[in-house]
Amino acid sequence: MAKRKPRSVNKTTLLVMGEGEHDKAFLSHMKGIYHERCSGSKITLDFSSGGSPHDIIKDTVKKSRHVGYDQKFILMDSDVPVRQQDIKAAKDSGITILYSTPLCLEGMLLSVLGQNIPHTAQKCKSALHPQLSDNPALPKSYEPLFSKPVLDQSTHTTIKQLCSLLGKTQKNNRFTFT
């Protein structure tokens, strides 16, 4: 009997890092909506343990150093400015930074819902978390408020970029975000 030749599948591999557990949970929720398993792409979601933008970029570089991801992204809060040398370090490592604006993930999500945005990241968390259906570290918590129609209708730049990124289906279809 002839041996079968293993089928080679040329998948696009992506790493999408969140700043923390809540970011990863929301990204996982979006991945569940937009990513199709047979799409030809493999998306890895991870999170850093927070800290400064420098620490998050450094952690992403470290976690991706020995894995050949085609593209790497960080979903980063915008409440703490990112130093120019850290932006350069990310770019030199092939990492694209997507900013959660205003302020943080929760501020961005309040914006998607058309709600008032408090002036601090902590107040944004206090405003959004009680509206979620469960613990904000669980992807299912975001389902009732952030359904596919809500996300599809969003005009928020980062949400649109994430929808496109997580729905990516073709090899060599590289995303460039400015």
N, C-alpha and C. Protein backbone atom coordinates (compact mmCIF):
# COMPACT_ATOMS: atom_id res chain seq x y z
N MET A 1 0.84 -1.17 0.00
CA MET A 1 0.00 0.00 0.00
C MET A 1 0.89 1.24 0.00
N ALA A 2 0.58 2.18 -0.85
CA ALA A 2 1.36 3.41 -0.97
C ALA A 2 1.14 4.30 0.24
N LYS A 3 2.22 4.93 0.67
CA LYS A 3 2.09 5.87 1.78
C LYS A 3 1.46 7.15 1.30
N ARG A 4 0.62 7.69 2.14
CA ARG A 4 0.00 8.98 1.81
C ARG A 4 0.99 10.09 2.09
N LYS A 5 0.98 11.02 1.20
CA LYS A 5 1.83 12.19 1.38
C LYS A 5 1.09 13.16 2.31
N PRO A 6 1.73 13.63 3.37
CA PRO A 6 1.04 14.58 4.25
C PRO A 6 0.67 15.84 3.47
N ARG A 7 -0.54 16.29 3.73
CA ARG A 7 -1.01 17.49 3.07
C ARG A 7 -0.40 18.71 3.72
N SER A 8 0.20 19.53 2.93
CA SER A 8 0.81 20.74 3.44
C SER A 8 -0.19 21.88 3.36
N VAL A 9 -0.46 22.49 4.48
CA VAL A 9 -1.37 23.62 4.51
C VAL A 9 -0.56 24.86 4.83
N ASN A 10 -0.64 25.81 3.96
CA ASN A 10 0.12 27.04 4.11
C ASN A 10 -0.75 28.07 4.83
N LYS A 11 -0.66 28.10 6.14
CA LYS A 11 -1.50 28.98 6.94
C LYS A 11 -0.78 30.27 7.30
N THR A 12 -1.52 31.34 7.33
CA THR A 12 -1.02 32.60 7.84
C THR A 12 -1.11 32.53 9.36
N THR A 13 -0.03 32.87 10.04
CA THR A 13 -0.04 32.83 11.50
C THR A 13 0.02 34.25 12.05
N LEU A 14 -0.87 34.52 12.98
CA LEU A 14 -0.95 35.84 13.59
C LEU A 14 -0.86 35.72 15.10
N LEU A 15 -0.19 36.67 15.71
CA LEU A 15 -0.19 36.80 17.16
C LEU A 15 -0.87 38.13 17.46
N VAL A 16 -1.89 38.08 18.31
CA VAL A 16 -2.55 39.30 18.75
C VAL A 16 -2.48 39.32 20.27
N MET A 17 -1.72 40.28 20.80
CA MET A 17 -1.51 40.40 22.24
C MET A 17 -2.40 41.50 22.79
N GLY A 18 -3.01 41.23 23.92
CA GLY A 18 -3.72 42.26 24.65
C GLY A 18 -2.88 42.70 25.83
N GLU A 19 -3.22 43.85 26.39
CA GLU A 19 -2.48 44.33 27.55
C GLU A 19 -2.71 43.44 28.77
N GLY A 20 -3.91 42.96 28.90
CA GLY A 20 -4.25 42.15 30.07
C GLY A 20 -5.34 41.14 29.75
N GLU A 21 -5.83 40.48 30.79
CA GLU A 21 -6.84 39.43 30.63
C GLU A 21 -8.13 39.92 29.99
N HIS A 22 -8.55 41.13 30.32
CA HIS A 22 -9.79 41.66 29.75
C HIS A 22 -9.65 41.87 28.25
N ASP A 23 -8.49 42.36 27.83
CA ASP A 23 -8.24 42.55 26.40
C ASP A 23 -8.29 41.21 25.68
N LYS A 24 -7.62 40.20 26.27
CA LYS A 24 -7.61 38.87 25.65
C LYS A 24 -9.03 38.31 25.57
N ALA A 25 -9.83 38.51 26.61
CA ALA A 25 -11.20 38.00 26.61
C ALA A 25 -12.02 38.67 25.51
N PHE A 26 -11.88 39.98 25.36
CA PHE A 26 -12.62 40.66 24.29
C PHE A 26 -12.13 40.21 22.92
N LEU A 27 -10.82 40.08 22.75
CA LEU A 27 -10.27 39.60 21.48
C LEU A 27 -10.77 38.18 21.18
N SER A 28 -10.85 37.35 22.19
CA SER A 28 -11.35 35.99 22.02
C SER A 28 -12.82 36.01 21.59
N HIS A 29 -13.59 36.91 22.19
CA HIS A 29 -14.99 37.09 21.79
C HIS A 29 -15.07 37.46 20.31
N MET A 30 -14.25 38.42 19.89
CA MET A 30 -14.25 38.84 18.48
C MET A 30 -13.77 37.72 17.56
N LYS A 31 -12.77 37.00 17.99
CA LYS A 31 -12.26 35.88 17.19
C LYS A 31 -13.38 34.85 16.97
N GLY A 32 -14.16 34.60 18.01
CA GLY A 32 -15.28 33.66 17.91
C GLY A 32 -16.32 34.10 16.88
N ILE A 33 -16.47 35.39 16.72
CA ILE A 33 -17.43 35.93 15.75
C ILE A 33 -16.87 35.92 14.33
N TYR A 34 -15.63 36.37 14.18
CA TYR A 34 -15.10 36.65 12.84
C TYR A 34 -14.19 35.59 12.24
N HIS A 35 -13.56 34.78 13.05
CA HIS A 35 -12.58 33.85 12.50
C HIS A 35 -13.23 32.52 12.14
N GLU A 36 -12.96 32.08 10.93
CA GLU A 36 -13.44 30.77 10.49
C GLU A 36 -12.28 29.80 10.54
N ARG A 37 -12.51 28.64 11.13
CA ARG A 37 -11.43 27.66 11.34
C ARG A 37 -10.79 27.22 10.03
N CYS A 38 -11.54 27.17 8.96
CA CYS A 38 -11.01 26.71 7.67
C CYS A 38 -10.49 27.87 6.83
N SER A 39 -10.20 28.98 7.45
CA SER A 39 -9.87 30.20 6.73
C SER A 39 -8.46 30.26 6.16
N GLY A 40 -7.60 29.36 6.59
CA GLY A 40 -6.22 29.43 6.14
C GLY A 40 -5.36 30.30 7.03
N SER A 41 -5.88 30.67 8.19
CA SER A 41 -5.08 31.44 9.13
C SER A 41 -5.18 30.83 10.52
N LYS A 42 -4.12 30.99 11.27
CA LYS A 42 -4.08 30.53 12.66
C LYS A 42 -3.81 31.75 13.51
N ILE A 43 -4.74 32.06 14.37
CA ILE A 43 -4.62 33.25 15.21
C ILE A 43 -4.38 32.83 16.64
N THR A 44 -3.28 33.32 17.21
CA THR A 44 -2.95 33.07 18.60
C THR A 44 -3.23 34.34 19.38
N LEU A 45 -4.03 34.22 20.43
CA LEU A 45 -4.31 35.35 21.31
C LEU A 45 -3.55 35.13 22.60
N ASP A 46 -2.99 36.20 23.12
CA ASP A 46 -2.26 36.11 24.38
C ASP A 46 -2.40 37.45 25.07
N PHE A 47 -1.89 37.55 26.28
CA PHE A 47 -1.92 38.83 26.97
C PHE A 47 -0.65 39.00 27.79
N SER A 48 -0.32 40.25 27.98
CA SER A 48 0.81 40.60 28.81
C SER A 48 0.26 40.82 30.21
N SER A 49 1.13 40.93 31.16
CA SER A 49 0.65 41.13 32.53
C SER A 49 0.51 42.61 32.86
N GLY A 50 0.26 43.41 31.85
CA GLY A 50 0.08 44.84 32.08
C GLY A 50 1.41 45.53 32.26
N GLY A 51 1.39 46.63 32.97
CA GLY A 51 2.60 47.42 33.17
C GLY A 51 2.67 48.55 32.17
N SER A 52 3.86 49.05 31.97
CA SER A 52 4.06 50.18 31.06
C SER A 52 4.03 49.68 29.61
N PRO A 53 3.82 50.60 28.66
CA PRO A 53 3.91 50.20 27.25
C PRO A 53 5.24 49.52 26.93
N HIS A 54 6.33 50.01 27.54
CA HIS A 54 7.64 49.40 27.34
C HIS A 54 7.62 47.92 27.74
N ASP A 55 7.03 47.63 28.92
CA ASP A 55 6.97 46.25 29.41
C ASP A 55 6.13 45.36 28.49
N ILE A 56 5.03 45.90 28.00
CA ILE A 56 4.13 45.13 27.15
C ILE A 56 4.80 44.81 25.81
N ILE A 57 5.48 45.78 25.24
CA ILE A 57 6.21 45.56 23.98
C ILE A 57 7.33 44.55 24.20
N LYS A 58 8.07 44.72 25.28
CA LYS A 58 9.17 43.80 25.60
C LYS A 58 8.65 42.37 25.78
N ASP A 59 7.52 42.22 26.46
CA ASP A 59 6.91 40.91 26.69
C ASP A 59 6.46 40.28 25.36
N THR A 60 5.90 41.09 24.48
CA THR A 60 5.44 40.59 23.18
C THR A 60 6.63 40.14 22.33
N VAL A 61 7.70 40.92 22.35
CA VAL A 61 8.91 40.54 21.61
C VAL A 61 9.43 39.21 22.14
N LYS A 62 9.47 39.08 23.45
CA LYS A 62 9.97 37.86 24.09
C LYS A 62 9.10 36.65 23.74
N LYS A 63 7.77 36.80 23.82
CA LYS A 63 6.86 35.69 23.55
C LYS A 63 6.84 35.28 22.08
N SER A 64 7.22 36.18 21.20
CA SER A 64 7.14 35.87 19.77
C SER A 64 8.51 35.62 19.14
N ARG A 65 9.56 35.73 19.91
CA ARG A 65 10.92 35.65 19.37
C ARG A 65 11.20 34.34 18.64
N HIS A 66 10.76 33.22 19.20
CA HIS A 66 11.13 31.92 18.64
C HIS A 66 9.99 31.25 17.87
N VAL A 67 8.96 32.02 17.58
CA VAL A 67 7.83 31.50 16.81
C VAL A 67 7.73 32.33 15.54
N GLY A 68 7.60 31.68 14.43
CA GLY A 68 7.59 32.40 13.15
C GLY A 68 6.23 32.93 12.77
N TYR A 69 5.71 33.87 13.54
CA TYR A 69 4.42 34.48 13.19
C TYR A 69 4.58 35.33 11.94
N ASP A 70 3.60 35.26 11.06
CA ASP A 70 3.62 36.11 9.86
C ASP A 70 3.40 37.58 10.25
N GLN A 71 2.52 37.78 11.21
CA GLN A 71 2.26 39.15 11.68
C GLN A 71 1.99 39.13 13.18
N LYS A 72 2.36 40.25 13.83
CA LYS A 72 2.20 40.38 15.28
C LYS A 72 1.56 41.74 15.58
N PHE A 73 0.59 41.71 16.50
CA PHE A 73 -0.13 42.93 16.87
C PHE A 73 -0.25 43.01 18.38
N ILE A 74 -0.30 44.24 18.88
CA ILE A 74 -0.60 44.49 20.29
C ILE A 74 -1.80 45.42 20.33
N LEU A 75 -2.81 45.06 21.13
CA LEU A 75 -3.91 45.97 21.42
C LEU A 75 -3.50 46.70 22.69
N MET A 76 -3.16 47.99 22.56
CA MET A 76 -2.55 48.76 23.64
C MET A 76 -3.47 49.91 24.06
N ASP A 77 -3.60 50.09 25.38
CA ASP A 77 -4.34 51.24 25.90
C ASP A 77 -3.62 52.52 25.47
N SER A 78 -4.37 53.60 25.41
CA SER A 78 -3.78 54.88 24.98
C SER A 78 -3.69 55.88 26.12
N ASP A 79 -3.94 55.44 27.36
CA ASP A 79 -3.91 56.37 28.48
C ASP A 79 -2.48 56.71 28.93
N VAL A 80 -1.51 55.86 28.57
CA VAL A 80 -0.10 56.13 28.90
C VAL A 80 0.64 56.26 27.57
N PRO A 81 1.30 57.39 27.36
CA PRO A 81 2.01 57.57 26.08
C PRO A 81 3.10 56.51 25.87
N VAL A 82 3.24 56.09 24.62
CA VAL A 82 4.28 55.12 24.26
C VAL A 82 5.50 55.92 23.80
N ARG A 83 6.65 55.64 24.40
CA ARG A 83 7.87 56.35 24.04
C ARG A 83 8.29 56.00 22.62
N GLN A 84 8.90 56.94 21.95
CA GLN A 84 9.33 56.76 20.57
C GLN A 84 10.25 55.55 20.42
N GLN A 85 11.18 55.35 21.36
CA GLN A 85 12.09 54.20 21.25
C GLN A 85 11.35 52.88 21.40
N ASP A 86 10.23 52.87 22.13
CA ASP A 86 9.43 51.65 22.25
C ASP A 86 8.64 51.38 20.97
N ILE A 87 8.15 52.43 20.36
CA ILE A 87 7.47 52.29 19.06
C ILE A 87 8.45 51.73 18.04
N LYS A 88 9.68 52.24 18.06
CA LYS A 88 10.72 51.75 17.14
C LYS A 88 11.06 50.29 17.43
N ALA A 89 11.17 49.92 18.69
CA ALA A 89 11.48 48.53 19.06
C ALA A 89 10.37 47.60 18.56
N ALA A 90 9.12 48.02 18.70
CA ALA A 90 8.00 47.21 18.21
C ALA A 90 8.09 47.07 16.69
N LYS A 91 8.30 48.18 16.02
CA LYS A 91 8.37 48.16 14.55
C LYS A 91 9.54 47.30 14.08
N ASP A 92 10.69 47.42 14.73
CA ASP A 92 11.87 46.62 14.37
C ASP A 92 11.63 45.13 14.57
N SER A 93 10.71 44.78 15.47
CA SER A 93 10.38 43.37 15.73
C SER A 93 9.17 42.91 14.92
N GLY A 94 8.69 43.77 14.03
CA GLY A 94 7.56 43.41 13.18
C GLY A 94 6.23 43.44 13.89
N ILE A 95 6.12 44.24 14.94
CA ILE A 95 4.90 44.33 15.73
C ILE A 95 4.15 45.61 15.37
N THR A 96 2.86 45.47 15.10
CA THR A 96 1.99 46.62 14.84
C THR A 96 1.20 46.90 16.11
N ILE A 97 1.17 48.16 16.53
CA ILE A 97 0.42 48.55 17.73
C ILE A 97 -0.92 49.12 17.29
N LEU A 98 -1.99 48.55 17.84
CA LEU A 98 -3.34 49.06 17.65
C LEU A 98 -3.76 49.68 18.98
N TYR A 99 -4.25 50.90 18.94
CA TYR A 99 -4.56 51.61 20.18
C TYR A 99 -6.04 51.55 20.54
N SER A 100 -6.31 51.23 21.80
CA SER A 100 -7.66 51.31 22.35
C SER A 100 -7.89 52.75 22.74
N THR A 101 -8.69 53.45 21.96
CA THR A 101 -8.99 54.85 22.25
C THR A 101 -10.50 55.01 22.40
N PRO A 102 -10.96 55.91 23.22
CA PRO A 102 -10.19 56.72 24.15
C PRO A 102 -9.75 55.92 25.38
N LEU A 103 -8.60 56.23 25.86
CA LEU A 103 -8.01 55.74 27.11
C LEU A 103 -7.63 54.27 27.16
N CYS A 104 -8.62 53.36 26.99
CA CYS A 104 -8.38 51.94 27.27
C CYS A 104 -9.44 51.10 26.57
N LEU A 105 -9.33 49.79 26.73
CA LEU A 105 -10.32 48.89 26.12
C LEU A 105 -11.73 49.29 26.52
N GLU A 106 -11.94 49.51 27.80
CA GLU A 106 -13.29 49.83 28.28
C GLU A 106 -13.78 51.15 27.72
N GLY A 107 -12.89 52.14 27.60
CA GLY A 107 -13.27 53.42 26.98
C GLY A 107 -13.66 53.23 25.53
N MET A 108 -12.91 52.40 24.82
CA MET A 108 -13.22 52.12 23.42
C MET A 108 -14.59 51.43 23.31
N LEU A 109 -14.85 50.48 24.20
CA LEU A 109 -16.12 49.75 24.13
C LEU A 109 -17.30 50.64 24.53
N LEU A 110 -17.10 51.52 25.49
CA LEU A 110 -18.16 52.49 25.83
C LEU A 110 -18.44 53.38 24.62
N SER A 111 -17.40 53.75 23.91
CA SER A 111 -17.53 54.56 22.70
C SER A 111 -18.35 53.82 21.63
N VAL A 112 -18.08 52.53 21.45
CA VAL A 112 -18.83 51.71 20.49
C VAL A 112 -20.31 51.70 20.85
N LEU A 113 -20.61 51.69 22.15
CA LEU A 113 -22.00 51.69 22.61
C LEU A 113 -22.63 53.07 22.58
N GLY A 114 -21.85 54.09 22.24
CA GLY A 114 -22.37 55.46 22.19
C GLY A 114 -22.58 56.07 23.56
N GLN A 115 -21.89 55.57 24.56
CA GLN A 115 -22.04 56.07 25.92
C GLN A 115 -20.96 57.11 26.23
N ASN A 116 -21.23 57.90 27.27
CA ASN A 116 -20.25 58.89 27.71
C ASN A 116 -18.99 58.19 28.20
N ILE A 117 -17.85 58.81 27.90
CA ILE A 117 -16.56 58.25 28.27
C ILE A 117 -16.03 59.00 29.49
N PRO A 118 -15.85 58.31 30.63
CA PRO A 118 -15.26 58.97 31.79
C PRO A 118 -13.82 59.42 31.49
N HIS A 119 -13.24 60.21 32.39
CA HIS A 119 -11.93 60.81 32.15
C HIS A 119 -10.74 59.96 32.56
N THR A 120 -10.98 58.82 33.21
CA THR A 120 -9.86 57.96 33.59
C THR A 120 -10.16 56.52 33.19
N ALA A 121 -9.11 55.74 33.02
CA ALA A 121 -9.27 54.33 32.66
C ALA A 121 -10.04 53.58 33.74
N GLN A 122 -9.75 53.87 35.00
CA GLN A 122 -10.44 53.18 36.09
C GLN A 122 -11.94 53.48 36.09
N LYS A 123 -12.31 54.73 35.80
CA LYS A 123 -13.73 55.08 35.73
C LYS A 123 -14.40 54.44 34.52
N CYS A 124 -13.64 54.26 33.43
CA CYS A 124 -14.18 53.55 32.26
C CYS A 124 -14.50 52.11 32.64
N LYS A 125 -13.59 51.47 33.37
CA LYS A 125 -13.81 50.10 33.82
C LYS A 125 -15.04 50.04 34.72
N SER A 126 -15.16 50.99 35.63
CA SER A 126 -16.30 51.03 36.55
C SER A 126 -17.61 51.25 35.81
N ALA A 127 -17.56 51.95 34.69
CA ALA A 127 -18.78 52.19 33.91
C ALA A 127 -19.16 50.98 33.05
N LEU A 128 -18.18 50.29 32.48
CA LEU A 128 -18.49 49.19 31.57
C LEU A 128 -18.73 47.86 32.27
N HIS A 129 -17.89 47.50 33.23
CA HIS A 129 -17.95 46.16 33.82
C HIS A 129 -19.31 45.77 34.37
N PRO A 130 -20.06 46.65 35.05
CA PRO A 130 -21.39 46.23 35.53
C PRO A 130 -22.38 45.93 34.39
N GLN A 131 -22.11 46.43 33.19
CA GLN A 131 -23.00 46.18 32.06
C GLN A 131 -22.74 44.82 31.41
N LEU A 132 -21.56 44.25 31.67
CA LEU A 132 -21.22 42.96 31.08
C LEU A 132 -22.01 41.85 31.76
N SER A 133 -22.21 40.74 31.07
CA SER A 133 -23.03 39.66 31.60
C SER A 133 -22.32 38.79 32.62
N ASP A 134 -21.00 38.92 32.74
CA ASP A 134 -20.23 38.09 33.66
C ASP A 134 -18.87 38.76 33.90
N ASN A 135 -17.94 38.02 34.43
CA ASN A 135 -16.59 38.50 34.70
C ASN A 135 -15.94 39.01 33.40
N PRO A 136 -15.36 40.22 33.41
CA PRO A 136 -14.77 40.77 32.19
C PRO A 136 -13.57 39.98 31.65
N ALA A 137 -13.07 39.02 32.41
CA ALA A 137 -11.98 38.17 31.93
C ALA A 137 -12.50 36.96 31.13
N LEU A 138 -13.84 36.87 31.00
CA LEU A 138 -14.46 35.76 30.25
C LEU A 138 -15.01 36.28 28.92
N PRO A 139 -14.65 35.64 27.81
CA PRO A 139 -15.14 36.09 26.50
C PRO A 139 -16.66 36.18 26.40
N LYS A 140 -17.38 35.25 27.05
CA LYS A 140 -18.85 35.25 26.96
C LYS A 140 -19.48 36.50 27.56
N SER A 141 -18.74 37.21 28.41
CA SER A 141 -19.26 38.41 29.06
C SER A 141 -19.59 39.51 28.06
N TYR A 142 -18.92 39.47 26.91
CA TYR A 142 -19.06 40.54 25.92
C TYR A 142 -20.15 40.25 24.88
N GLU A 143 -20.66 39.01 24.86
CA GLU A 143 -21.63 38.60 23.84
C GLU A 143 -22.89 39.45 23.78
N PRO A 144 -23.56 39.70 24.90
CA PRO A 144 -24.83 40.43 24.78
C PRO A 144 -24.68 41.86 24.26
N LEU A 145 -23.65 42.57 24.70
CA LEU A 145 -23.49 43.97 24.30
C LEU A 145 -22.77 44.13 22.96
N PHE A 146 -21.88 43.22 22.65
CA PHE A 146 -21.03 43.38 21.47
C PHE A 146 -21.23 42.23 20.49
N SER A 147 -22.46 42.18 19.99
CA SER A 147 -22.82 41.16 18.99
C SER A 147 -22.19 41.54 17.65
N LYS A 148 -22.24 40.64 16.70
CA LYS A 148 -21.69 40.90 15.37
C LYS A 148 -22.32 42.15 14.73
N PRO A 149 -23.64 42.32 14.79
CA PRO A 149 -24.21 43.54 14.19
C PRO A 149 -23.68 44.83 14.83
N VAL A 150 -23.50 44.82 16.15
CA VAL A 150 -22.98 46.01 16.83
C VAL A 150 -21.54 46.28 16.37
N LEU A 151 -20.72 45.24 16.33
CA LEU A 151 -19.33 45.41 15.92
C LEU A 151 -19.24 45.79 14.43
N ASP A 152 -20.07 45.18 13.60
CA ASP A 152 -20.08 45.49 12.16
C ASP A 152 -20.45 46.94 11.90
N GLN A 153 -21.34 47.48 12.71
CA GLN A 153 -21.80 48.86 12.51
C GLN A 153 -20.88 49.90 13.14
N SER A 154 -19.93 49.45 13.92
CA SER A 154 -19.03 50.38 14.59
C SER A 154 -18.18 51.13 13.57
N THR A 155 -17.99 52.41 13.84
CA THR A 155 -17.11 53.22 13.00
C THR A 155 -15.75 53.45 13.67
N HIS A 156 -15.58 52.84 14.83
CA HIS A 156 -14.32 53.00 15.56
C HIS A 156 -13.20 52.33 14.78
N THR A 157 -12.14 53.06 14.50
CA THR A 157 -11.05 52.58 13.66
C THR A 157 -10.44 51.28 14.17
N THR A 158 -10.14 51.19 15.45
CA THR A 158 -9.49 49.99 15.97
C THR A 158 -10.43 48.79 15.91
N ILE A 159 -11.70 48.98 16.18
CA ILE A 159 -12.68 47.89 16.08
C ILE A 159 -12.74 47.39 14.63
N LYS A 160 -12.77 48.31 13.69
CA LYS A 160 -12.81 47.92 12.27
C LYS A 160 -11.54 47.15 11.89
N GLN A 161 -10.39 47.60 12.39
CA GLN A 161 -9.12 46.91 12.12
C GLN A 161 -9.15 45.50 12.70
N LEU A 162 -9.64 45.37 13.93
CA LEU A 162 -9.71 44.05 14.56
C LEU A 162 -10.67 43.12 13.83
N CYS A 163 -11.82 43.64 13.40
CA CYS A 163 -12.77 42.83 12.64
C CYS A 163 -12.10 42.29 11.39
N SER A 164 -11.39 43.14 10.69
CA SER A 164 -10.69 42.76 9.47
C SER A 164 -9.58 41.76 9.77
N LEU A 165 -8.81 42.03 10.78
CA LEU A 165 -7.68 41.18 11.15
C LEU A 165 -8.13 39.79 11.57
N LEU A 166 -9.14 39.73 12.42
CA LEU A 166 -9.59 38.44 12.95
C LEU A 166 -10.41 37.66 11.93
N GLY A 167 -10.85 38.33 10.88
CA GLY A 167 -11.59 37.65 9.82
C GLY A 167 -10.71 37.32 8.63
N LYS A 168 -9.43 37.56 8.76
CA LYS A 168 -8.46 37.35 7.69
C LYS A 168 -8.50 35.92 7.17
N THR A 169 -8.47 35.77 5.83
CA THR A 169 -8.60 34.43 5.28
C THR A 169 -7.53 34.04 4.28
N GLN A 170 -6.77 34.94 3.74
CA GLN A 170 -5.86 34.57 2.66
C GLN A 170 -4.41 34.77 3.04
N LYS A 171 -3.58 33.81 2.63
CA LYS A 171 -2.12 33.95 2.78
C LYS A 171 -1.66 35.12 1.94
N ASN A 172 -0.66 35.81 2.40
CA ASN A 172 -0.06 36.97 1.71
C ASN A 172 -0.99 38.18 1.66
N ASN A 173 -2.08 38.15 2.38
CA ASN A 173 -2.95 39.31 2.47
C ASN A 173 -2.55 40.06 3.74
N ARG A 174 -1.43 40.76 3.67
CA ARG A 174 -0.88 41.40 4.87
C ARG A 174 -1.67 42.68 5.18
N PHE A 175 -1.87 42.90 6.45
CA PHE A 175 -2.59 44.07 6.88
C PHE A 175 -1.60 45.17 7.26
N THR A 176 -1.85 46.33 6.77
CA THR A 176 -1.03 47.47 7.16
C THR A 176 -1.97 48.51 7.75
N PHE A 177 -1.73 48.84 8.98
CA PHE A 177 -2.55 49.82 9.69
C PHE A 177 -1.66 51.03 10.00
N THR A 178 -2.20 52.17 9.78
CA THR A 178 -1.44 53.39 10.10
C THR A 178 -2.11 54.14 11.20
